Amino acid sequence: MSQPQPEPETARMRFPGVRPPKPLLAAETESRLTVRQRKLLDQLEALVASEGLAELTMAEIAAQVNCSLRTLYGIAPSKDELVLAVVDRRLRRIGRAAIGQLDATLAPLDALRAYLRATNEAVQPTTFAFARDFAQVSGAKQLLDAHEGYVIAVTQSLLDRAVTEGDIAPVDTTSLAHVLGSLGREFGRPEVSEAAAESPKATADAITEILIRGLERG
């Protein structure tokens, strides 16, 4: 009796010319870390999402994850560089997951919805305190700008496809991509998120949906 054949893997969407930002912790550097250090990076990512790290000293961070200062300094030479590397790692993980769920059969606007909802995970559930403290870390703005620029580039590519396929009327996709691609970061700002009725992600998702529905023909 013949064995059932696996379903063919669906082709993923491609975005020619769109490149993600260069990782702060290069793959070859991370591969040279010990198993313990790589597990610590996973723990630190979880702390970034739930409690924050920017306001802590290296000694306090070491105590949080139950390791030695030497082990932490083996990952990054300073606290700021450690925090930046951990945040970058988390944003890249979210970005890969967002791109990974887009297959070539999706209509451009459906892909855009799915992509932006996934990337909005980057502002959830980081604390207000962390967002405020992280803004003071040297290099934080450049890091966030680089990731936001990538989201905007993917968003514009999907909007351009929607125009080409007639799903939306011709529109200034460059400007619109800047609006849609920056919503998560905008609603993640402490002064905005504290005043909003919902979480930063829920608010960004809701505004994204309103804007996309306004673009749809018919």
Protein backbone atom coordinates (compact mmCIF):
# COMPACT_ATOMS: atom_id res chain seq x y z
CA MET A 1 0.00 0.00 0.00
CA SER A 2 1.46 3.33 -1.03
CA GLN A 3 2.22 5.90 1.63
CA PRO A 4 0.38 9.26 1.52
CA GLN A 5 2.55 11.97 0.01
CA PRO A 6 3.19 15.13 2.05
CA GLU A 7 1.54 18.31 0.91
CA PRO A 8 3.89 20.44 -1.20
CA GLU A 9 5.30 23.38 0.70
CA THR A 10 3.69 26.67 -0.28
CA ALA A 11 6.09 29.16 -1.83
CA ARG A 12 6.90 32.09 0.42
CA MET A 13 6.47 35.68 -0.67
CA ARG A 14 9.68 37.32 -1.83
CA PHE A 15 10.61 40.97 -1.56
CA PRO A 16 13.45 41.60 -4.04
CA GLY A 17 15.68 44.49 -3.03
CA VAL A 18 14.33 44.62 0.53
CA ARG A 19 16.97 43.64 3.06
CA PRO A 20 16.59 43.31 6.83
CA PRO A 21 18.98 45.33 9.01
CA LYS A 22 22.32 43.78 9.79
CA PRO A 23 22.17 41.91 13.15
CA LEU A 24 24.08 43.46 16.04
CA LEU A 25 25.02 39.97 17.19
CA ALA A 26 26.26 38.33 14.00
CA ALA A 27 25.39 34.68 13.38
CA GLU A 28 29.04 33.63 13.55
CA THR A 29 29.47 35.51 16.83
CA GLU A 30 26.39 33.91 18.35
CA SER A 31 27.53 30.48 17.16
CA ARG A 32 30.73 30.90 19.17
CA LEU A 33 28.79 31.48 22.40
CA THR A 34 28.39 28.64 24.84
CA VAL A 35 25.10 26.77 25.14
CA ARG A 36 24.61 28.50 28.48
CA GLN A 37 25.12 31.95 26.95
CA ARG A 38 22.65 31.25 24.15
CA LYS A 39 20.07 30.14 26.69
CA LEU A 40 20.74 33.33 28.61
CA LEU A 41 19.96 35.34 25.49
CA ASP A 42 16.57 33.62 25.34
CA GLN A 43 15.98 34.47 29.00
CA LEU A 44 16.99 38.07 28.42
CA GLU A 45 14.58 38.34 25.49
CA ALA A 46 11.78 37.22 27.79
CA LEU A 47 12.83 39.81 30.37
CA VAL A 48 12.83 42.55 27.74
CA ALA A 49 9.24 41.65 26.83
CA SER A 50 7.95 41.41 30.40
CA GLU A 51 10.05 43.59 32.69
CA GLY A 52 12.76 45.47 30.83
CA LEU A 53 16.52 45.62 31.18
CA ALA A 54 17.57 49.15 30.33
CA GLU A 55 17.26 50.47 33.89
CA LEU A 56 19.22 47.59 35.45
CA THR A 57 22.96 47.35 36.06
CA MET A 58 24.94 44.42 34.69
CA ALA A 59 25.11 42.99 38.22
CA GLU A 60 21.31 43.23 38.55
CA ILE A 61 20.83 41.61 35.14
CA ALA A 62 23.18 38.79 36.14
CA ALA A 63 21.17 38.26 39.32
CA GLN A 64 17.91 38.19 37.33
CA VAL A 65 19.13 35.36 35.10
CA ASN A 66 21.27 33.66 37.75
CA CYS A 67 24.62 33.88 36.04
CA SER A 68 28.02 35.48 36.62
CA LEU A 69 29.05 38.91 35.36
CA ARG A 70 31.84 37.20 33.42
CA THR A 71 29.27 35.17 31.50
CA LEU A 72 27.32 38.30 30.57
CA TYR A 73 30.45 40.18 29.51
CA GLY A 74 31.26 37.21 27.31
CA ILE A 75 28.13 38.06 25.32
CA ALA A 76 28.61 41.85 25.11
CA PRO A 77 31.30 44.21 26.45
CA SER A 78 28.88 46.69 28.05
CA LYS A 79 25.36 46.87 29.41
CA ASP A 80 24.14 49.12 26.59
CA GLU A 81 25.53 46.76 23.96
CA LEU A 82 23.95 43.80 25.72
CA VAL A 83 20.54 45.48 25.87
CA LEU A 84 20.75 46.54 22.22
CA ALA A 85 21.76 43.03 21.13
CA VAL A 86 18.89 41.45 23.07
CA VAL A 87 16.30 43.91 21.70
CA ASP A 88 17.68 43.47 18.18
CA ARG A 89 17.49 39.68 18.55
CA ARG A 90 13.86 39.89 19.67
CA LEU A 91 12.88 42.24 16.84
CA ARG A 92 14.57 40.00 14.29
CA ARG A 93 12.76 36.95 15.67
CA ILE A 94 9.41 38.75 15.35
CA GLY A 95 10.31 39.96 11.86
CA ARG A 96 11.28 36.50 10.63
CA ALA A 97 8.04 35.06 11.97
CA ALA A 98 6.05 37.82 10.26
CA ILE A 99 7.67 37.21 6.87
CA GLY A 100 7.55 33.44 7.34
CA GLN A 101 3.75 33.35 7.46
CA LEU A 102 3.33 35.10 4.12
CA ASP A 103 2.85 32.72 1.23
CA ALA A 104 2.67 33.63 -2.43
CA THR A 105 -1.05 32.75 -2.69
CA LEU A 106 -2.12 35.57 -0.39
CA ALA A 107 -3.67 38.68 -1.90
CA PRO A 108 -1.48 41.74 -1.22
CA LEU A 109 -3.87 43.34 1.28
CA ASP A 110 -4.40 40.07 3.14
CA ALA A 111 -0.64 39.68 3.33
CA LEU A 112 -0.32 43.27 4.52
CA ARG A 113 -2.85 42.70 7.31
CA ALA A 114 -1.10 39.54 8.45
CA TYR A 115 2.36 41.10 8.26
CA LEU A 116 1.53 44.26 10.21
CA ARG A 117 -0.38 42.37 12.90
CA ALA A 118 2.64 40.12 13.35
CA THR A 119 5.17 42.95 13.45
CA ASN A 120 3.03 44.82 15.98
CA GLU A 121 4.00 42.06 18.42
CA ALA A 122 7.21 44.05 18.84
CA VAL A 123 5.42 46.55 21.10
CA GLN A 124 3.60 43.93 23.17
CA PRO A 125 3.96 43.37 26.07
CA THR A 126 6.99 45.58 26.78
CA THR A 127 6.46 47.80 29.81
CA PHE A 128 6.07 51.56 29.78
CA ALA A 129 9.13 51.83 32.03
CA PHE A 130 11.28 49.83 29.64
CA ALA A 131 10.19 51.86 26.61
CA ARG A 132 11.11 55.05 28.47
CA ASP A 133 14.44 53.74 29.74
CA PHE A 134 15.41 52.09 26.46
CA ALA A 135 15.02 55.41 24.65
CA GLN A 136 17.97 56.69 26.72
CA VAL A 137 20.31 53.87 25.63
CA SER A 138 22.97 55.03 23.17
CA GLY A 139 22.15 53.52 19.78
CA ALA A 140 18.53 52.68 20.61
CA LYS A 141 17.02 55.14 18.13
CA GLN A 142 19.27 53.93 15.31
CA LEU A 143 18.32 50.33 16.04
CA LEU A 144 14.58 51.03 16.08
CA ASP A 145 14.86 53.22 12.97
CA ALA A 146 16.58 50.38 11.08
CA HIS A 147 13.89 47.83 11.99
CA GLU A 148 11.09 50.29 11.28
CA GLY A 149 12.66 51.08 7.91
CA TYR A 150 12.54 47.41 6.99
CA VAL A 151 8.86 47.12 8.00
CA ILE A 152 8.09 50.21 5.92
CA ALA A 153 9.91 48.77 2.90
CA VAL A 154 7.97 45.48 3.06
CA THR A 155 4.73 47.43 3.58
CA GLN A 156 5.41 49.57 0.50
CA SER A 157 6.17 46.48 -1.58
CA LEU A 158 2.81 44.97 -0.61
CA LEU A 159 0.99 48.26 -1.31
CA ASP A 160 2.68 48.50 -4.72
CA ARG A 161 1.47 44.97 -5.50
CA ALA A 162 -2.05 45.89 -4.41
CA VAL A 163 -2.03 48.86 -6.80
CA THR A 164 -0.64 46.75 -9.65
CA GLU A 165 -3.29 44.06 -9.13
CA GLY A 166 -6.09 46.63 -8.92
CA ASP A 167 -7.00 45.85 -5.30
CA ILE A 168 -6.61 49.52 -4.38
CA ALA A 169 -6.68 52.73 -6.37
CA PRO A 170 -3.35 54.37 -7.26
CA VAL A 171 -1.99 56.01 -4.13
CA ASP A 172 1.26 57.45 -2.77
CA THR A 173 2.50 54.11 -1.46
CA THR A 174 5.71 55.61 -0.06
CA SER A 175 3.88 57.97 2.29
CA LEU A 176 1.20 55.44 3.19
CA ALA A 177 3.83 52.80 3.98
CA HIS A 178 5.49 55.23 6.41
CA VAL A 179 2.18 55.69 8.21
CA LEU A 180 1.28 52.00 8.39
CA GLY A 181 4.80 50.81 9.12
CA SER A 182 5.31 53.19 12.04
CA LEU A 183 2.00 52.66 13.88
CA GLY A 184 3.35 50.01 16.25
CA ARG A 185 6.26 52.16 17.34
CA GLU A 186 4.07 55.25 17.63
CA PHE A 187 1.56 53.59 19.93
CA GLY A 188 4.37 51.97 21.89
CA ARG A 189 5.70 55.36 22.99
CA PRO A 190 5.13 55.76 26.76
CA GLU A 191 3.21 59.04 26.54
CA VAL A 192 0.90 57.56 23.89
CA SER A 193 0.44 54.05 25.28
CA GLU A 194 -0.37 55.31 28.77
CA ALA A 195 -3.19 57.45 27.38
CA ALA A 196 -4.64 54.83 25.01
CA ALA A 197 -7.65 52.74 26.02
CA GLU A 198 -6.13 49.50 24.68
CA SER A 199 -2.66 47.94 24.56
CA PRO A 200 -0.19 49.34 22.00
CA LYS A 201 -0.60 46.26 19.79
CA ALA A 202 -4.40 46.29 19.95
CA THR A 203 -4.48 50.00 19.12
CA ALA A 204 -2.02 49.65 16.23
CA ASP A 205 -3.93 46.64 14.86
CA ALA A 206 -7.23 48.53 15.01
CA ILE A 207 -5.91 51.62 13.24
CA THR A 208 -4.19 49.42 10.64
CA GLU A 209 -7.49 47.69 9.87
CA ILE A 210 -9.33 51.01 9.52
CA LEU A 211 -6.75 52.30 7.04
CA ILE A 212 -6.65 49.10 4.99
CA ARG A 213 -10.45 48.92 4.78
CA GLY A 214 -10.43 52.50 3.54
CA LEU A 215 -8.11 51.49 0.70
CA GLU A 216 -10.08 48.45 -0.49
CA ARG A 217 -12.04 48.80 -3.67
CA GLY A 218 -15.65 47.75 -3.45
